[in-house]
Every structure is written in C-alpha cells, then in structure tokens.
Amino acid sequence: MTPVVFPGILREGDLGSWSSERDDVILRTQQPFLLASGYPMNSISRKDHLTLLVGRPRDEKVFLAMGLPTVKREGISYLMETIDSLLSSSTDAERGDVVLIIFLAELDAVWINNTTNSIVQRYSTFLKSGFIQVVGATPAIYQELEFTQRTFNDSKERTKWGSKQNIDYAHLFLYCRNISTFYIQLEDDILAAPGFLKTIHQTVQAKAKTFWFCLRFSTLGFIGYMFHSKDLERSAIFLLMFYSEQPCDYLIGYLKNLTTQFEDIIIQSSLFQHKGVVSSLKGKKPLLTDTNFRKQQHKKHFPLK
C-alpha cells in the first residue's frame, strides 16, 4: 500500500479545523488519509477496534486505568501470576477507584477463549465489580504489519514484533482514554510492589503543581509509564505514525520532549519488576531486572472467586 500524505499543495478548506491549545491539539480532516507509516488515519478515531469480552464498565470515570496487553508465549504464561501480584499488592478500597484493562492481543480464537475462561474462573469477583475488564482486537488493527520495513538491522520477525507492540499500545490507549484521569502501562510478566497504588496516589499529589507528560515507575522498557488520560489519543496517533520505525519507549521519549518535558521523571523506588524469562518473541531472552525495585513480603488477601 502506497502512503498518501497530503498530496500536492493544501488548499483552504482541505483541513477541517485546527486547535493549537497545548494539551489538546486536534487535526480533523474532511477525507480519510494515511499516516506517513502507511497506517490508515481514519481507523484510529474509533474505539471499536477493541471489544469488551468479559467484565463490566465502571459507572463513573476512575482515578487510574492500568493497561495490560498479553500475548501467547511458547510453553508458558505469566498472566495469572501478574494479576495475582497486582491484587495482593493492593486493597479493596484502592481498587475501587482503579480499572485493570487486560488486552488479549492475539487473533487466535482458541487461545483467546482459553485465556478468557481462565480469567473468568479465577477472577469472577473482580470482573463483576468492574475492576477487571478483558478486551480483544479486531483483525483490522494489524492490517499493515506485512508492510513493515526493517530498522536497526533487526530481522523481519523482530521488526514485525516491535511494530505490533506499538499498534497494541496505541489501541489500548484509545480504548482507555475516557475511562480514567490517569493511565499506567503494565506488561503481562511483572511483579508489583506492595502498596504501589498508594505510592502512585502520593506521587500524583506531590506533582500536582508540576507540568509532566509522563512519569516512570520502573526503569525497564515501557513498564510503569504513566500518562494523563487526556494525552492518550495524541500519544496513540504518534505511535501509529511511526509504529514500524522505533520501539515504543523511544517514540514516547520523543513525544515527551515535544511537550517540553525534557527530563525523565523516574520514581526512586520502582514499583514493578520484570520477571518473565520466556519472551513473546521466539529466541529473545528477556533477562533484565530492575535493580531499583521495592520488594517486600506479599500477602494474599483477596478472594479469587
């Protein structure tokens, strides 16, 4: 597919409206067009590319949405351990103002059904309360993956894997943009520090008079990046513009600078630890750990059903 990005000279009326407010820059066009990456612009404005599979939406906007994409791994899954860690490291009262969005980022119907059934059997209480929502994708969001170009001398498989990650994150952003005031990015193979939600609340309060585009609650990859939900849509657009060019944490770093946050704001004691040893990319060995992780004894104090 050949990208078409503003062919020729723009004439008056070609663009619908342009708002240049710092926190709400919106480009509206009269006709659908493709982003420079080849990703169809008109497809990113709709929330229905991710569909609620199980769970109940909250009646009101909450403080925090936690986005957790999960994919198939060869011979193992860390998803249930990750969910258990998030639950055991938080209280019922804290979870009342939080939503965990689990994105089954695959198109394999058997895997989706099996994973969904496992979540329903183990976490029915949290599905009914609205704390956990499970969403799935439509094939349309992956239609451009076959057209990715190799970057960083990576193999075609690794480039496609990284490009899919960017697409997954972007559509998860779009799904969550109206659910909460803040959004934090998680992964499906992490351990949460006890009291992590309390620390997030305290950090937001401490930064109330400080401009920030993103806060970081971990030093590894894209784990623990936190945003204002009002910034999720433009962040999603940015990821889709360059989805096949660079990893998501690099792209968000550029966007952070564009918003005039020129320094990383990293919380001193990391709240999330990477623990997976089998990557979703065959042959990749994800052995990195966060040396700043705040680890304490976990106690399970939640009902599974």
Protein backbone atom coordinates (compact mmCIF):
# COMPACT_ATOMS: atom_id res chain seq x y z
CA MET A 1 0.00 0.00 0.00
CA THR A 2 1.45 3.38 -1.02
CA PRO A 3 1.07 6.07 1.63
CA VAL A 4 -0.64 9.26 0.54
CA VAL A 5 0.20 12.10 2.88
CA PHE A 6 -1.22 15.50 1.92
CA PRO A 7 -0.54 15.18 -1.82
CA GLY A 8 0.21 18.44 -3.61
CA ILE A 9 -0.45 21.80 -2.03
CA LEU A 10 -3.08 22.13 0.67
CA ARG A 11 -5.87 24.46 -0.31
CA GLU A 12 -8.08 26.46 2.01
CA GLY A 13 -10.76 24.12 3.29
CA ASP A 14 -8.70 20.93 2.89
CA LEU A 15 -8.31 20.78 6.67
CA GLY A 16 -11.40 20.81 8.80
CA SER A 17 -10.26 22.61 11.96
CA TRP A 18 -7.04 23.12 13.86
CA SER A 19 -6.80 23.72 17.59
CA SER A 20 -3.36 24.65 18.91
CA GLU A 21 -4.00 24.55 22.65
CA ARG A 22 -1.04 22.93 24.41
CA ASP A 23 -2.94 19.99 25.90
CA ASP A 24 -5.47 19.43 23.12
CA VAL A 25 -4.02 19.56 19.62
CA ILE A 26 -6.51 18.01 17.23
CA LEU A 27 -6.30 17.62 13.47
CA ARG A 28 -9.58 16.98 11.73
CA THR A 29 -9.71 16.19 8.02
CA GLN A 30 -12.58 16.10 5.61
CA GLN A 31 -11.26 12.97 3.84
CA PRO A 32 -9.52 9.91 5.32
CA PHE A 33 -5.78 9.79 4.65
CA LEU A 34 -2.85 7.58 5.57
CA LEU A 35 -0.22 8.39 8.13
CA ALA A 36 3.37 8.56 6.95
CA SER A 37 3.82 4.99 8.20
CA GLY A 38 1.00 3.74 5.98
CA TYR A 39 -1.39 3.28 8.89
CA PRO A 40 -4.92 4.46 7.94
CA MET A 41 -5.68 7.65 9.88
CA ASN A 42 -9.45 7.19 9.77
CA SER A 43 -9.15 3.85 11.61
CA ILE A 44 -7.65 5.33 14.78
CA SER A 45 -10.56 7.56 15.71
CA ARG A 46 -12.85 4.68 16.57
CA LYS A 47 -12.86 2.85 19.88
CA ASP A 48 -14.48 -0.28 18.48
CA HIS A 49 -11.23 -1.87 17.31
CA LEU A 50 -11.02 -3.25 20.85
CA THR A 51 -14.11 -5.04 22.08
CA LEU A 52 -15.09 -5.82 25.67
CA LEU A 53 -15.11 -9.62 26.03
CA VAL A 54 -15.86 -10.04 29.74
CA GLY A 55 -16.23 -7.65 32.65
CA ARG A 56 -18.37 -4.64 33.44
CA PRO A 57 -17.53 -0.99 32.70
CA ARG A 58 -17.50 1.29 35.72
CA ASP A 59 -20.38 3.75 36.01
CA GLU A 60 -18.06 6.73 36.52
CA LYS A 61 -14.56 7.76 35.50
CA VAL A 62 -11.95 6.39 37.91
CA PHE A 63 -8.60 7.66 39.14
CA LEU A 64 -6.41 5.18 37.27
CA ALA A 65 -6.62 2.72 34.38
CA MET A 66 -3.90 0.06 34.20
CA GLY A 67 -3.36 -1.20 30.66
CA LEU A 68 -2.04 -4.75 30.45
CA PRO A 69 -1.59 -6.30 26.98
CA THR A 70 -0.91 -10.03 26.93
CA VAL A 71 0.16 -12.37 24.12
CA LYS A 72 0.98 -16.02 23.60
CA ARG A 73 4.32 -17.32 24.81
CA GLU A 74 5.88 -20.62 23.93
CA GLY A 75 5.04 -23.15 26.64
CA ILE A 76 4.26 -20.68 29.45
CA SER A 77 2.07 -17.80 30.59
CA TYR A 78 2.81 -15.27 33.33
CA LEU A 79 -0.57 -13.54 33.15
CA MET A 80 -2.23 -15.08 36.21
CA GLU A 81 0.86 -14.52 38.35
CA THR A 82 0.90 -10.88 37.25
CA ILE A 83 -2.79 -10.37 38.07
CA ASP A 84 -2.32 -12.10 41.45
CA SER A 85 0.59 -9.77 42.21
CA LEU A 86 -1.47 -6.66 41.36
CA LEU A 87 -4.27 -7.89 43.60
CA SER A 88 -2.12 -8.95 46.54
CA SER A 89 -0.26 -5.63 46.43
CA SER A 90 -3.42 -3.50 46.68
CA THR A 91 -6.51 -3.21 48.87
CA ASP A 92 -10.23 -3.40 48.12
CA ALA A 93 -10.59 0.32 48.83
CA GLU A 94 -7.76 1.22 46.44
CA ARG A 95 -9.13 -0.99 43.68
CA GLY A 96 -12.50 0.76 43.93
CA ASP A 97 -11.05 3.72 42.02
CA VAL A 98 -8.95 1.71 39.56
CA VAL A 99 -9.63 -0.39 36.45
CA LEU A 100 -7.36 -3.12 35.06
CA ILE A 101 -7.80 -3.48 31.29
CA ILE A 102 -6.41 -6.82 30.08
CA PHE A 103 -5.93 -6.75 26.31
CA LEU A 104 -5.74 -10.20 24.68
CA ALA A 105 -3.56 -9.01 21.82
CA GLU A 106 -3.88 -12.04 19.55
CA LEU A 107 -6.28 -13.24 16.85
CA ASP A 108 -6.07 -16.93 17.79
CA ALA A 109 -9.67 -17.78 18.79
CA VAL A 110 -8.70 -20.92 20.75
CA TRP A 111 -6.10 -19.05 22.82
CA ILE A 112 -8.49 -16.15 23.41
CA ASN A 113 -11.27 -18.50 24.58
CA ASN A 114 -8.96 -20.47 26.86
CA THR A 115 -7.42 -17.35 28.39
CA THR A 116 -10.80 -15.68 28.85
CA ASN A 117 -12.24 -18.78 30.53
CA SER A 118 -9.26 -18.96 32.89
CA ILE A 119 -9.73 -15.32 33.90
CA VAL A 120 -13.48 -15.80 34.44
CA GLN A 121 -12.97 -18.89 36.59
CA ARG A 122 -10.26 -17.31 38.73
CA TYR A 123 -11.31 -13.64 38.97
CA SER A 124 -15.10 -13.58 38.67
CA THR A 125 -15.42 -11.32 41.74
CA PHE A 126 -13.23 -8.67 40.14
CA LEU A 127 -14.97 -8.94 36.77
CA LYS A 128 -18.35 -8.35 38.40
CA SER A 129 -17.07 -5.39 40.40
CA GLY A 130 -15.72 -3.63 37.33
CA PHE A 131 -12.09 -3.79 38.46
CA ILE A 132 -11.10 -6.16 35.64
CA GLN A 133 -12.15 -5.79 32.03
CA VAL A 134 -10.93 -8.13 29.29
CA VAL A 135 -10.82 -6.79 25.75
CA GLY A 136 -9.94 -8.27 22.38
CA ALA A 137 -8.90 -6.88 18.99
CA THR A 138 -10.37 -6.93 15.52
CA PRO A 139 -8.10 -8.04 12.63
CA ALA A 140 -8.25 -4.52 11.15
CA ILE A 141 -5.66 -3.10 13.54
CA TYR A 142 -2.96 -5.44 12.21
CA GLN A 143 -3.64 -4.97 8.50
CA GLU A 144 -0.39 -3.07 7.86
CA LEU A 145 2.02 -5.39 9.68
CA GLU A 146 3.07 -7.15 6.48
CA PHE A 147 4.36 -3.85 5.11
CA THR A 148 6.84 -3.07 7.90
CA GLN A 149 10.38 -2.16 6.91
CA ARG A 150 13.43 -3.48 8.77
CA THR A 151 15.06 -0.99 11.14
CA PHE A 152 18.18 -1.14 13.36
CA ASN A 153 19.33 -4.10 11.18
CA ASP A 154 16.78 -6.23 13.04
CA SER A 155 15.31 -9.34 11.48
CA LYS A 156 11.93 -9.10 9.79
CA GLU A 157 10.42 -11.11 12.66
CA ARG A 158 11.77 -8.76 15.33
CA THR A 159 10.71 -5.67 13.38
CA LYS A 160 7.20 -7.07 12.99
CA TRP A 161 7.11 -7.97 16.70
CA GLY A 162 8.10 -4.45 17.75
CA SER A 163 5.68 -2.88 15.27
CA LYS A 164 2.83 -4.97 16.63
CA GLN A 165 3.70 -3.85 20.16
CA ASN A 166 3.32 -0.21 19.09
CA ILE A 167 -0.04 -0.95 17.47
CA ASP A 168 -1.22 -2.81 20.57
CA TYR A 169 -0.20 0.02 22.89
CA ALA A 170 -1.82 2.63 20.66
CA HIS A 171 -5.20 0.91 20.53
CA LEU A 172 -5.09 0.19 24.25
CA PHE A 173 -4.50 3.93 24.75
CA LEU A 174 -7.54 4.70 22.62
CA TYR A 175 -9.75 2.24 24.49
CA CYS A 176 -8.74 3.70 27.87
CA ARG A 177 -8.77 7.39 27.02
CA ASN A 178 -12.15 8.13 28.64
CA ILE A 179 -12.07 5.58 31.46
CA SER A 180 -9.87 7.35 33.98
CA THR A 181 -7.97 10.51 34.88
CA PHE A 182 -4.59 8.77 34.64
CA TYR A 183 -3.27 5.73 32.78
CA ILE A 184 -0.30 3.48 33.53
CA GLN A 185 1.26 0.94 31.19
CA LEU A 186 1.95 -2.56 32.51
CA GLU A 187 3.15 -5.84 30.99
CA ASP A 188 1.94 -9.40 31.47
CA ASP A 189 5.12 -10.67 33.18
CA ILE A 190 5.69 -8.33 36.10
CA LEU A 191 5.67 -8.29 39.89
CA ALA A 192 4.06 -5.32 41.67
CA ALA A 193 5.44 -3.78 44.84
CA PRO A 194 3.16 -3.80 47.90
CA GLY A 195 1.32 -0.50 48.23
CA PHE A 196 2.02 0.51 44.63
CA LEU A 197 -1.34 2.25 44.22
CA LYS A 198 -0.78 4.31 47.37
CA THR A 199 2.61 5.40 46.04
CA ILE A 200 1.06 6.39 42.69
CA HIS A 201 -1.57 8.49 44.50
CA GLN A 202 1.10 10.17 46.62
CA THR A 203 3.26 10.89 43.59
CA VAL A 204 0.40 12.47 41.65
CA GLN A 205 -0.39 14.69 44.65
CA ALA A 206 3.27 15.68 45.01
CA LYS A 207 3.45 16.60 41.31
CA ALA A 208 0.13 18.46 41.27
CA LYS A 209 1.77 21.83 40.61
CA THR A 210 4.43 20.47 38.24
CA PHE A 211 3.96 20.04 34.48
CA TRP A 212 4.61 16.49 33.37
CA PHE A 213 3.72 14.48 30.30
CA CYS A 214 4.75 11.11 31.68
CA LEU A 215 6.03 9.68 34.95
CA ARG A 216 8.02 6.49 35.20
CA PHE A 217 7.52 3.95 37.97
CA SER A 218 10.07 1.48 36.58
CA THR A 219 13.39 1.79 34.74
CA LEU A 220 12.81 -1.09 32.31
CA GLY A 221 11.39 -0.60 28.83
CA PHE A 222 7.82 0.66 28.70
CA ILE A 223 6.79 -0.81 32.06
CA GLY A 224 5.34 1.70 34.50
CA TYR A 225 4.95 4.68 32.16
CA MET A 226 2.10 6.85 33.43
CA PHE A 227 0.15 9.48 31.48
CA HIS A 228 -2.73 11.89 31.86
CA SER A 229 -5.60 10.17 30.06
CA LYS A 230 -6.27 13.38 28.14
CA ASP A 231 -2.92 12.75 26.37
CA LEU A 232 -3.64 9.16 25.34
CA GLU A 233 -5.25 9.96 21.99
CA ARG A 234 -2.40 12.07 20.65
CA SER A 235 0.09 9.54 22.06
CA ALA A 236 -1.73 6.79 20.17
CA ILE A 237 -1.60 8.81 16.96
CA PHE A 238 2.13 9.38 17.42
CA LEU A 239 2.80 5.67 17.96
CA LEU A 240 0.81 4.78 14.85
CA MET A 241 2.61 7.40 12.78
CA PHE A 242 5.95 5.70 13.44
CA TYR A 243 4.87 2.23 14.58
CA SER A 244 7.39 0.42 12.37
CA GLU A 245 10.29 2.83 12.92
CA GLN A 246 11.36 2.57 16.57
CA PRO A 247 10.37 0.93 19.90
CA CYS A 248 7.53 2.46 21.88
CA ASP A 249 9.68 3.83 24.72
CA TYR A 250 11.88 5.65 22.17
CA LEU A 251 8.83 7.13 20.42
CA ILE A 252 7.23 8.24 23.68
CA GLY A 253 10.56 9.80 24.63
CA TYR A 254 10.45 11.98 21.52
CA LEU A 255 6.85 12.95 22.20
CA LYS A 256 7.75 13.78 25.80
CA ASN A 257 10.36 16.25 24.55
CA LEU A 258 7.85 17.77 22.12
CA THR A 259 5.56 18.50 25.06
CA THR A 260 8.51 20.34 26.73
CA GLN A 261 9.18 17.73 29.39
CA PHE A 262 12.88 17.41 28.63
CA GLU A 263 13.91 15.23 31.57
CA ASP A 264 12.68 11.81 32.61
CA ILE A 265 10.80 11.81 35.90
CA ILE A 266 11.61 8.41 37.38
CA ILE A 267 10.30 7.46 40.80
CA GLN A 268 13.22 6.47 43.03
CA SER A 269 11.92 3.05 44.12
CA SER A 270 10.50 1.15 41.16
CA LEU A 271 7.00 -0.25 41.67
CA PHE A 272 7.19 -3.01 39.06
CA GLN A 273 9.72 -5.75 38.44
CA HIS A 274 10.11 -7.68 35.21
CA LYS A 275 10.14 -11.41 35.93
CA GLY A 276 9.49 -13.20 32.64
CA VAL A 277 12.26 -15.40 31.22
CA VAL A 278 10.40 -16.52 28.09
CA SER A 279 9.78 -13.70 25.63
CA SER A 280 6.80 -13.39 23.30
CA LEU A 281 9.45 -13.11 20.55
CA LYS A 282 10.91 -16.53 19.86
CA GLY A 283 14.62 -16.61 20.62
CA LYS A 284 14.71 -13.36 22.59
CA LYS A 285 15.97 -13.71 26.16
CA PRO A 286 14.39 -11.04 28.39
CA LEU A 287 16.66 -11.46 31.42
CA LEU A 288 16.73 -7.81 32.50
CA THR A 289 15.61 -6.93 36.03
CA ASP A 290 15.06 -3.59 37.75
CA THR A 291 17.67 -3.10 40.46
CA ASN A 292 15.60 -0.27 41.98
CA PHE A 293 12.56 -2.45 42.59
CA ARG A 294 10.95 -2.03 46.02
CA LYS A 295 10.35 -5.60 47.13
CA GLN A 296 8.57 -6.61 50.32
CA GLN A 297 6.72 -9.67 51.51
CA HIS A 298 3.49 -10.27 49.59
CA LYS A 299 0.39 -11.48 51.38
CA LYS A 300 -2.63 -12.75 49.50
CA HIS A 301 -5.70 -11.10 50.94
CA PHE A 302 -8.19 -11.27 48.12
CA PRO A 303 -10.90 -13.77 47.10
CA LEU A 304 -10.24 -15.49 43.78
CA LYS A 305 -13.89 -16.16 43.03
